[in-house]
Amino acid sequence: MRTMSKKAALLSAALAITLLSGCACNDRLDALEARVGTVEKTANSAQAAANRAQSSADAAAAAAAEAQKTANDAVEAVSRMAEKCCRK
């Protein structure tokens, strides 16, 4: 959804540039093109940061799942040891 919003904004900016290219306001057009480039770079940086955050979150979830499995295995091992001790 965010990607579509970014694409829609870039498309709107490109359309505005196309419409303005026929007028004599070349300085304004150049400034607008520069701003669009800056916005696109910022959007790309934000997307990259979001991807890194998602990757970190996925890694944290995997680590938590592994820790839970290890804890469960430890509890089961202690339980088996207790059963062996009680049988004697």
N, C-alpha and C. Protein backbone atom coordinates (compact mmCIF):
# COMPACT_ATOMS: atom_id res chain seq x y z
N MET A 1 0.83 -1.19 0.00
CA MET A 1 0.00 0.00 0.00
C MET A 1 0.87 1.25 0.00
N ARG A 2 1.93 1.23 0.79
CA ARG A 2 2.83 2.39 0.82
C ARG A 2 3.51 2.56 -0.53
N THR A 3 3.86 1.44 -1.17
CA THR A 3 4.52 1.50 -2.47
C THR A 3 3.60 2.13 -3.49
N MET A 4 2.33 1.79 -3.45
CA MET A 4 1.38 2.38 -4.39
C MET A 4 1.27 3.88 -4.15
N SER A 5 1.27 4.32 -2.92
CA SER A 5 1.19 5.74 -2.61
C SER A 5 2.41 6.46 -3.15
N LYS A 6 3.56 5.85 -3.01
CA LYS A 6 4.80 6.43 -3.52
C LYS A 6 4.72 6.53 -5.03
N LYS A 7 4.28 5.47 -5.69
CA LYS A 7 4.18 5.47 -7.14
C LYS A 7 3.17 6.51 -7.61
N ALA A 8 2.06 6.62 -6.91
CA ALA A 8 1.05 7.61 -7.28
C ALA A 8 1.60 9.03 -7.15
N ALA A 9 2.36 9.28 -6.08
CA ALA A 9 2.95 10.61 -5.89
C ALA A 9 3.97 10.92 -6.97
N LEU A 10 4.78 9.94 -7.32
CA LEU A 10 5.78 10.15 -8.38
C LEU A 10 5.12 10.35 -9.73
N LEU A 11 4.05 9.61 -9.98
CA LEU A 11 3.32 9.77 -11.23
C LEU A 11 2.69 11.16 -11.31
N SER A 12 2.12 11.62 -10.21
CA SER A 12 1.54 12.97 -10.17
C SER A 12 2.60 14.03 -10.41
N ALA A 13 3.76 13.85 -9.79
CA ALA A 13 4.85 14.81 -9.98
C ALA A 13 5.33 14.79 -11.43
N ALA A 14 5.43 13.61 -12.02
CA ALA A 14 5.85 13.52 -13.41
C ALA A 14 4.84 14.18 -14.33
N LEU A 15 3.57 14.01 -14.04
CA LEU A 15 2.52 14.65 -14.83
C LEU A 15 2.60 16.16 -14.70
N ALA A 16 2.83 16.64 -13.48
CA ALA A 16 2.97 18.09 -13.27
C ALA A 16 4.16 18.63 -14.04
N ILE A 17 5.25 17.89 -14.05
CA ILE A 17 6.45 18.31 -14.79
C ILE A 17 6.14 18.37 -16.28
N THR A 18 5.44 17.36 -16.77
CA THR A 18 5.08 17.33 -18.19
C THR A 18 4.20 18.51 -18.56
N LEU A 19 3.23 18.80 -17.71
CA LEU A 19 2.32 19.92 -17.99
C LEU A 19 3.05 21.26 -17.93
N LEU A 20 3.99 21.38 -17.00
CA LEU A 20 4.72 22.64 -16.84
C LEU A 20 5.81 22.83 -17.88
N SER A 21 6.19 21.77 -18.56
CA SER A 21 7.31 21.88 -19.50
C SER A 21 6.99 22.80 -20.67
N GLY A 22 5.71 23.04 -20.92
CA GLY A 22 5.34 23.93 -22.02
C GLY A 22 5.39 25.39 -21.64
N CYS A 23 5.53 25.74 -20.37
CA CYS A 23 5.54 27.15 -19.97
C CYS A 23 6.96 27.68 -19.88
N ALA A 24 7.09 28.96 -19.68
CA ALA A 24 8.40 29.60 -19.67
C ALA A 24 9.06 29.58 -18.29
N CYS A 25 8.51 28.85 -17.35
CA CYS A 25 9.01 28.84 -15.98
C CYS A 25 10.05 27.74 -15.81
N ASN A 26 11.11 27.80 -16.57
CA ASN A 26 12.12 26.73 -16.53
C ASN A 26 12.78 26.62 -15.16
N ASP A 27 13.01 27.75 -14.49
CA ASP A 27 13.62 27.69 -13.16
C ASP A 27 12.73 26.93 -12.19
N ARG A 28 11.44 27.22 -12.25
CA ARG A 28 10.50 26.53 -11.37
C ARG A 28 10.43 25.05 -11.73
N LEU A 29 10.46 24.77 -13.02
CA LEU A 29 10.42 23.38 -13.47
C LEU A 29 11.65 22.62 -12.98
N ASP A 30 12.82 23.23 -13.09
CA ASP A 30 14.05 22.60 -12.61
C ASP A 30 13.99 22.35 -11.11
N ALA A 31 13.47 23.34 -10.38
CA ALA A 31 13.34 23.19 -8.92
C ALA A 31 12.37 22.06 -8.59
N LEU A 32 11.27 21.98 -9.33
CA LEU A 32 10.29 20.93 -9.09
C LEU A 32 10.89 19.56 -9.38
N GLU A 33 11.63 19.45 -10.47
CA GLU A 33 12.28 18.18 -10.79
C GLU A 33 13.27 17.77 -9.70
N ALA A 34 14.00 18.73 -9.19
CA ALA A 34 14.95 18.44 -8.10
C ALA A 34 14.22 17.97 -6.86
N ARG A 35 13.10 18.61 -6.55
CA ARG A 35 12.32 18.21 -5.37
C ARG A 35 11.76 16.80 -5.54
N VAL A 36 11.28 16.50 -6.74
CA VAL A 36 10.76 15.15 -7.00
C VAL A 36 11.87 14.12 -6.80
N GLY A 37 13.06 14.44 -7.30
CA GLY A 37 14.19 13.53 -7.11
C GLY A 37 14.52 13.33 -5.64
N THR A 38 14.47 14.41 -4.88
CA THR A 38 14.74 14.33 -3.44
C THR A 38 13.67 13.49 -2.73
N VAL A 39 12.42 13.72 -3.09
CA VAL A 39 11.32 12.96 -2.48
C VAL A 39 11.46 11.48 -2.81
N GLU A 40 11.82 11.18 -4.05
CA GLU A 40 11.98 9.77 -4.44
C GLU A 40 13.12 9.12 -3.66
N LYS A 41 14.24 9.82 -3.51
CA LYS A 41 15.36 9.28 -2.74
C LYS A 41 14.96 9.05 -1.28
N THR A 42 14.23 10.01 -0.72
CA THR A 42 13.77 9.88 0.66
C THR A 42 12.83 8.69 0.81
N ALA A 43 11.91 8.54 -0.15
CA ALA A 43 10.98 7.41 -0.11
C ALA A 43 11.73 6.09 -0.23
N ASN A 44 12.72 6.05 -1.10
CA ASN A 44 13.51 4.82 -1.25
C ASN A 44 14.29 4.50 0.03
N SER A 45 14.84 5.53 0.66
CA SER A 45 15.56 5.33 1.92
C SER A 45 14.62 4.83 3.01
N ALA A 46 13.43 5.40 3.06
CA ALA A 46 12.45 4.97 4.06
C ALA A 46 12.03 3.52 3.82
N GLN A 47 11.86 3.16 2.55
CA GLN A 47 11.49 1.78 2.23
C GLN A 47 12.61 0.82 2.62
N ALA A 48 13.85 1.21 2.36
CA ALA A 48 14.99 0.37 2.73
C ALA A 48 15.07 0.21 4.25
N ALA A 49 14.83 1.30 4.98
CA ALA A 49 14.85 1.23 6.45
C ALA A 49 13.73 0.32 6.95
N ALA A 50 12.56 0.41 6.34
CA ALA A 50 11.45 -0.45 6.73
C ALA A 50 11.78 -1.92 6.46
N ASN A 51 12.43 -2.18 5.33
CA ASN A 51 12.83 -3.55 5.01
C ASN A 51 13.84 -4.09 6.02
N ARG A 52 14.80 -3.23 6.41
CA ARG A 52 15.79 -3.65 7.41
C ARG A 52 15.11 -3.92 8.75
N ALA A 53 14.16 -3.06 9.12
CA ALA A 53 13.44 -3.25 10.39
C ALA A 53 12.64 -4.55 10.36
N GLN A 54 12.02 -4.85 9.22
CA GLN A 54 11.25 -6.09 9.10
C GLN A 54 12.18 -7.29 9.21
N SER A 55 13.34 -7.19 8.58
CA SER A 55 14.32 -8.27 8.66
C SER A 55 14.77 -8.49 10.10
N SER A 56 15.01 -7.39 10.82
CA SER A 56 15.41 -7.49 12.23
C SER A 56 14.29 -8.10 13.07
N ALA A 57 13.06 -7.70 12.79
CA ALA A 57 11.92 -8.25 13.53
C ALA A 57 11.77 -9.74 13.25
N ASP A 58 11.97 -10.14 12.00
CA ASP A 58 11.89 -11.57 11.66
C ASP A 58 12.98 -12.36 12.38
N ALA A 59 14.19 -11.80 12.42
CA ALA A 59 15.30 -12.47 13.11
C ALA A 59 15.02 -12.57 14.61
N ALA A 60 14.45 -11.52 15.19
CA ALA A 60 14.12 -11.55 16.62
C ALA A 60 13.04 -12.59 16.90
N ALA A 61 12.06 -12.70 16.03
CA ALA A 61 11.01 -13.70 16.21
C ALA A 61 11.58 -15.11 16.12
N ALA A 62 12.50 -15.31 15.18
CA ALA A 62 13.13 -16.63 15.05
C ALA A 62 13.96 -16.96 16.29
N ALA A 63 14.69 -15.97 16.80
CA ALA A 63 15.49 -16.18 18.01
C ALA A 63 14.60 -16.50 19.21
N ALA A 64 13.47 -15.80 19.31
CA ALA A 64 12.53 -16.06 20.41
C ALA A 64 11.95 -17.47 20.30
N ALA A 65 11.62 -17.89 19.09
CA ALA A 65 11.09 -19.24 18.90
C ALA A 65 12.13 -20.29 19.28
N GLU A 66 13.38 -20.05 18.90
CA GLU A 66 14.45 -20.99 19.25
C GLU A 66 14.67 -21.04 20.76
N ALA A 67 14.61 -19.87 21.41
CA ALA A 67 14.76 -19.82 22.87
C ALA A 67 13.62 -20.58 23.55
N GLN A 68 12.41 -20.43 23.03
CA GLN A 68 11.26 -21.14 23.60
C GLN A 68 11.44 -22.65 23.45
N LYS A 69 11.90 -23.08 22.27
CA LYS A 69 12.14 -24.51 22.04
C LYS A 69 13.21 -25.03 22.99
N THR A 70 14.28 -24.27 23.17
CA THR A 70 15.36 -24.67 24.08
C THR A 70 14.83 -24.78 25.51
N ALA A 71 14.02 -23.82 25.92
CA ALA A 71 13.44 -23.85 27.27
C ALA A 71 12.53 -25.07 27.43
N ASN A 72 11.72 -25.34 26.43
CA ASN A 72 10.84 -26.51 26.48
C ASN A 72 11.64 -27.81 26.57
N ASP A 73 12.72 -27.88 25.78
CA ASP A 73 13.59 -29.07 25.82
C ASP A 73 14.21 -29.24 27.21
N ALA A 74 14.64 -28.13 27.81
CA ALA A 74 15.25 -28.19 29.14
C ALA A 74 14.23 -28.67 30.18
N VAL A 75 13.02 -28.15 30.11
CA VAL A 75 11.97 -28.57 31.05
C VAL A 75 11.69 -30.06 30.88
N GLU A 76 11.63 -30.51 29.65
CA GLU A 76 11.37 -31.93 29.41
C GLU A 76 12.51 -32.80 29.93
N ALA A 77 13.75 -32.35 29.75
CA ALA A 77 14.90 -33.11 30.25
C ALA A 77 14.88 -33.21 31.77
N VAL A 78 14.57 -32.12 32.44
CA VAL A 78 14.48 -32.12 33.90
C VAL A 78 13.35 -33.03 34.35
N SER A 79 12.25 -33.00 33.62
CA SER A 79 11.11 -33.86 33.96
C SER A 79 11.48 -35.33 33.84
N ARG A 80 12.19 -35.68 32.77
CA ARG A 80 12.63 -37.09 32.60
C ARG A 80 13.59 -37.49 33.72
N MET A 81 14.50 -36.60 34.09
CA MET A 81 15.45 -36.90 35.17
C MET A 81 14.69 -37.10 36.48
N ALA A 82 13.69 -36.28 36.73
CA ALA A 82 12.90 -36.40 37.96
C ALA A 82 12.16 -37.73 37.98
N GLU A 83 11.61 -38.14 36.84
CA GLU A 83 10.91 -39.42 36.76
C GLU A 83 11.86 -40.58 37.07
N LYS A 84 13.07 -40.52 36.52
CA LYS A 84 14.06 -41.58 36.77
C LYS A 84 14.42 -41.64 38.25
N CYS A 85 14.58 -40.48 38.86
CA CYS A 85 14.93 -40.45 40.29
C CYS A 85 13.80 -40.99 41.14
N CYS A 86 12.57 -40.70 40.78
CA CYS A 86 11.42 -41.14 41.57
C CYS A 86 11.18 -42.64 41.44
N ARG A 87 11.58 -43.23 40.34
CA ARG A 87 11.38 -44.67 40.13
C ARG A 87 12.32 -45.50 40.99
N LYS A 88 13.43 -44.96 41.36
CA LYS A 88 14.44 -45.72 42.12
C LYS A 88 14.01 -45.98 43.52
